[in-house]
N, C-alpha and C. Protein backbone atom coordinates (compact mmCIF):
# COMPACT_ATOMS: atom_id res chain seq x y z
N MET A 1 114.24 80.64 111.92
CA MET A 1 114.23 80.59 110.45
C MET A 1 114.99 81.74 109.87
N GLU A 2 115.81 81.39 109.17
CA GLU A 2 116.65 82.46 108.47
C GLU A 2 116.49 83.32 107.10
N LEU A 3 115.39 84.24 106.58
CA LEU A 3 114.69 84.72 105.88
C LEU A 3 116.61 84.76 104.59
N GLN A 4 116.05 84.33 103.55
CA GLN A 4 117.50 84.01 102.24
C GLN A 4 116.98 85.46 101.65
N LEU A 5 117.06 86.13 101.93
CA LEU A 5 116.64 87.38 100.78
C LEU A 5 117.32 88.05 99.21
N ALA A 6 117.62 88.23 98.78
CA ALA A 6 117.47 88.32 96.94
C ALA A 6 118.31 89.44 97.03
N ASN A 7 118.90 90.65 97.54
CA ASN A 7 119.15 91.68 97.76
C ASN A 7 119.58 92.78 98.93
N LYS A 8 119.86 93.94 98.47
CA LYS A 8 119.91 95.21 99.25
C LYS A 8 118.90 95.48 99.99
N LEU A 9 118.25 95.64 98.22
CA LEU A 9 117.02 96.53 98.32
C LEU A 9 115.78 95.13 99.55
N GLN A 10 115.48 94.26 98.82
CA GLN A 10 114.90 93.54 99.83
C GLN A 10 115.31 93.96 101.26
N HIS A 11 116.50 93.40 101.61
CA HIS A 11 117.30 93.90 102.95
C HIS A 11 116.00 95.24 103.60
N HIS A 12 116.39 96.48 102.67
CA HIS A 12 116.23 97.46 103.18
C HIS A 12 114.30 96.95 103.55
N ILE A 13 113.94 96.79 102.83
CA ILE A 13 112.46 96.25 102.88
C ILE A 13 112.02 95.11 104.21
N ALA A 14 112.72 94.52 104.30
CA ALA A 14 112.43 93.82 105.23
C ALA A 14 112.82 94.40 106.60
N ASN A 15 113.37 95.19 106.88
CA ASN A 15 113.67 96.51 107.71
C ASN A 15 112.75 97.49 108.01
N LEU A 16 111.95 97.94 107.04
CA LEU A 16 111.18 98.55 106.99
C LEU A 16 110.40 97.36 107.91
N LEU A 17 109.20 97.06 106.91
CA LEU A 17 108.05 96.71 107.41
C LEU A 17 108.41 95.63 108.89
N TRP A 18 109.62 95.44 109.22
CA TRP A 18 110.42 94.92 110.70
C TRP A 18 109.77 95.84 111.73
N GLU A 19 110.02 97.18 111.62
CA GLU A 19 110.03 98.36 112.30
C GLU A 19 108.27 99.19 112.07
N ALA A 20 107.71 99.11 110.99
CA ALA A 20 106.22 98.84 110.73
C ALA A 20 105.15 98.68 111.66
N LYS A 21 105.09 99.79 112.62
CA LYS A 21 103.74 99.44 113.46
C LYS A 21 102.50 99.27 113.35
N THR A 22 102.02 100.09 112.46
CA THR A 22 100.20 99.22 112.26
C THR A 22 100.27 98.90 110.58
N VAL A 23 99.17 98.54 110.34
CA VAL A 23 99.30 97.68 109.09
C VAL A 23 98.76 98.88 107.53
N PRO A 24 98.58 99.74 107.82
CA PRO A 24 98.61 100.67 107.13
C PRO A 24 100.12 101.21 106.56
N GLU A 25 101.01 101.23 107.52
CA GLU A 25 102.86 101.40 107.08
C GLU A 25 102.56 100.28 106.46
N VAL A 26 102.37 99.34 107.06
CA VAL A 26 102.85 97.78 106.54
C VAL A 26 102.21 98.01 104.63
N LYS A 27 101.25 98.59 104.23
CA LYS A 27 100.24 98.52 103.57
C LYS A 27 101.07 99.61 102.21
N GLU A 28 101.40 101.06 103.11
CA GLU A 28 102.29 101.99 102.22
C GLU A 28 103.17 100.82 101.87
N ILE A 29 104.22 100.22 102.52
CA ILE A 29 105.54 100.26 101.84
C ILE A 29 105.32 99.13 100.93
N ILE A 30 104.33 98.43 101.03
CA ILE A 30 104.20 97.43 100.13
C ILE A 30 103.88 98.63 98.61
N ALA A 31 102.67 99.10 98.57
CA ALA A 31 102.61 100.05 97.86
C ALA A 31 103.80 100.64 97.32
N LYS A 32 105.17 100.95 98.26
CA LYS A 32 105.88 102.28 97.34
C LYS A 32 106.85 100.81 97.29
N TYR A 33 107.03 99.33 97.21
CA TYR A 33 108.14 98.90 96.49
C TYR A 33 107.63 97.96 95.85
N GLY A 34 106.60 97.98 95.64
CA GLY A 34 106.05 96.75 94.95
C GLY A 34 106.46 95.38 95.26
N ASN A 35 106.56 94.41 94.04
CA ASN A 35 107.04 92.77 93.91
C ASN A 35 107.50 92.89 95.25
N ASP A 36 108.86 93.20 95.12
CA ASP A 36 109.45 93.27 96.17
C ASP A 36 109.58 92.84 97.57
N ALA A 37 108.62 94.07 97.83
CA ALA A 37 107.91 94.36 99.19
C ALA A 37 107.13 92.95 99.30
N HIS A 38 106.32 93.05 98.66
CA HIS A 38 105.20 91.83 98.64
C HIS A 38 106.14 90.27 98.78
N VAL A 39 107.26 90.29 98.20
CA VAL A 39 107.46 89.07 98.68
C VAL A 39 108.76 89.01 99.73
N VAL A 40 108.77 89.79 99.77
CA VAL A 40 109.55 90.25 101.49
C VAL A 40 108.38 90.02 102.89
N PHE A 41 107.32 90.61 102.66
CA PHE A 41 106.11 90.53 103.41
C PHE A 41 105.58 88.86 103.25
N THR A 42 105.90 87.87 102.30
CA THR A 42 105.45 86.92 102.49
C THR A 42 105.89 86.07 102.81
N MET A 43 107.28 86.31 102.57
CA MET A 43 108.45 85.54 103.33
C MET A 43 108.24 85.64 104.71
N MET A 44 108.50 86.58 105.58
CA MET A 44 107.91 87.38 107.24
C MET A 44 107.16 86.41 107.52
N MET A 45 105.93 86.36 106.63
CA MET A 45 104.60 85.75 107.66
C MET A 45 104.68 84.39 107.24
N ALA A 46 105.40 83.66 106.38
CA ALA A 46 105.69 82.24 106.51
C ALA A 46 106.66 82.21 107.64
N ALA A 47 107.63 82.25 107.95
CA ALA A 47 108.77 82.66 108.43
C ALA A 47 108.03 82.00 109.74
N TYR A 48 106.87 83.32 110.18
CA TYR A 48 106.56 83.22 111.54
C TYR A 48 105.48 82.66 111.70
N PHE A 49 105.31 82.50 110.82
CA PHE A 49 104.02 81.16 110.42
C PHE A 49 104.22 80.27 111.49
N ASP A 50 105.38 79.79 110.18
CA ASP A 50 106.70 78.25 110.91
C ASP A 50 107.20 78.46 111.94
N GLU A 51 107.01 79.19 112.47
CA GLU A 51 107.56 79.40 113.76
C GLU A 51 106.80 79.14 115.22
N VAL A 52 105.57 79.97 114.66
CA VAL A 52 104.45 80.17 115.68
C VAL A 52 103.85 78.67 115.86
N MET A 53 103.60 78.15 114.71
CA MET A 53 102.82 76.79 114.73
C MET A 53 103.42 75.61 114.70
N ALA A 54 104.70 75.26 114.63
CA ALA A 54 105.82 74.78 114.54
C ALA A 54 105.51 73.42 113.89
N THR A 55 105.61 73.99 112.59
CA THR A 55 104.98 73.39 111.11
C THR A 55 106.01 73.65 110.36
N ASP A 56 106.15 72.55 109.10
CA ASP A 56 107.28 73.33 107.91
C ASP A 56 106.31 73.63 106.81
N LEU A 57 105.49 74.01 107.16
CA LEU A 57 104.85 74.10 106.15
C LEU A 57 105.20 75.83 105.51
N ALA A 58 106.31 76.67 106.10
CA ALA A 58 106.41 77.67 105.28
C ALA A 58 107.77 77.37 104.53
N GLN A 59 108.36 76.41 104.36
CA GLN A 59 109.47 76.06 103.12
C GLN A 59 109.56 76.11 101.87
N PRO A 60 108.03 75.16 101.73
CA PRO A 60 107.64 75.11 100.39
C PRO A 60 107.71 76.36 99.96
N VAL A 61 106.47 77.24 100.68
CA VAL A 61 105.92 78.48 100.18
C VAL A 61 107.58 79.55 99.65
N ILE A 62 108.45 79.32 100.86
CA ILE A 62 109.45 80.26 100.37
C ILE A 62 110.14 79.46 99.25
N GLU A 63 110.69 77.98 98.94
CA GLU A 63 111.09 78.34 97.93
C GLU A 63 110.00 78.48 96.49
N ARG A 64 109.17 78.21 96.53
CA ARG A 64 108.31 78.79 95.24
C ARG A 64 108.83 79.69 94.78
N ILE A 65 108.40 81.14 96.09
CA ILE A 65 108.41 82.35 95.99
C ILE A 65 110.20 82.69 95.26
N LYS A 66 111.35 82.06 95.90
CA LYS A 66 112.33 82.18 95.67
C LYS A 66 112.53 81.51 93.96
N ASN A 67 111.80 80.75 93.50
CA ASN A 67 112.03 80.12 92.07
C ASN A 67 111.63 81.20 91.53
N GLY A 68 109.97 82.15 91.80
CA GLY A 68 109.75 82.68 90.93
C GLY A 68 108.14 81.86 90.21
N ALA A 69 108.25 81.20 90.98
CA ALA A 69 106.60 80.04 91.21
C ALA A 69 105.05 81.51 91.21
């Protein structure tokens, strides 16, 4: 699954989250970048679970996030 990120900031955040090695680093990124980081993190986790669990559950979550619900 490929993430459909909205802007350059979200791409930057995704890269930071991908490179984070610890939970405290992830929390720091989310604290620093706020809602954008929370959205990106949620989308990344939904995509991961969708791949690992071989389900289609992530797609509706991603669509709700993209649509601002």
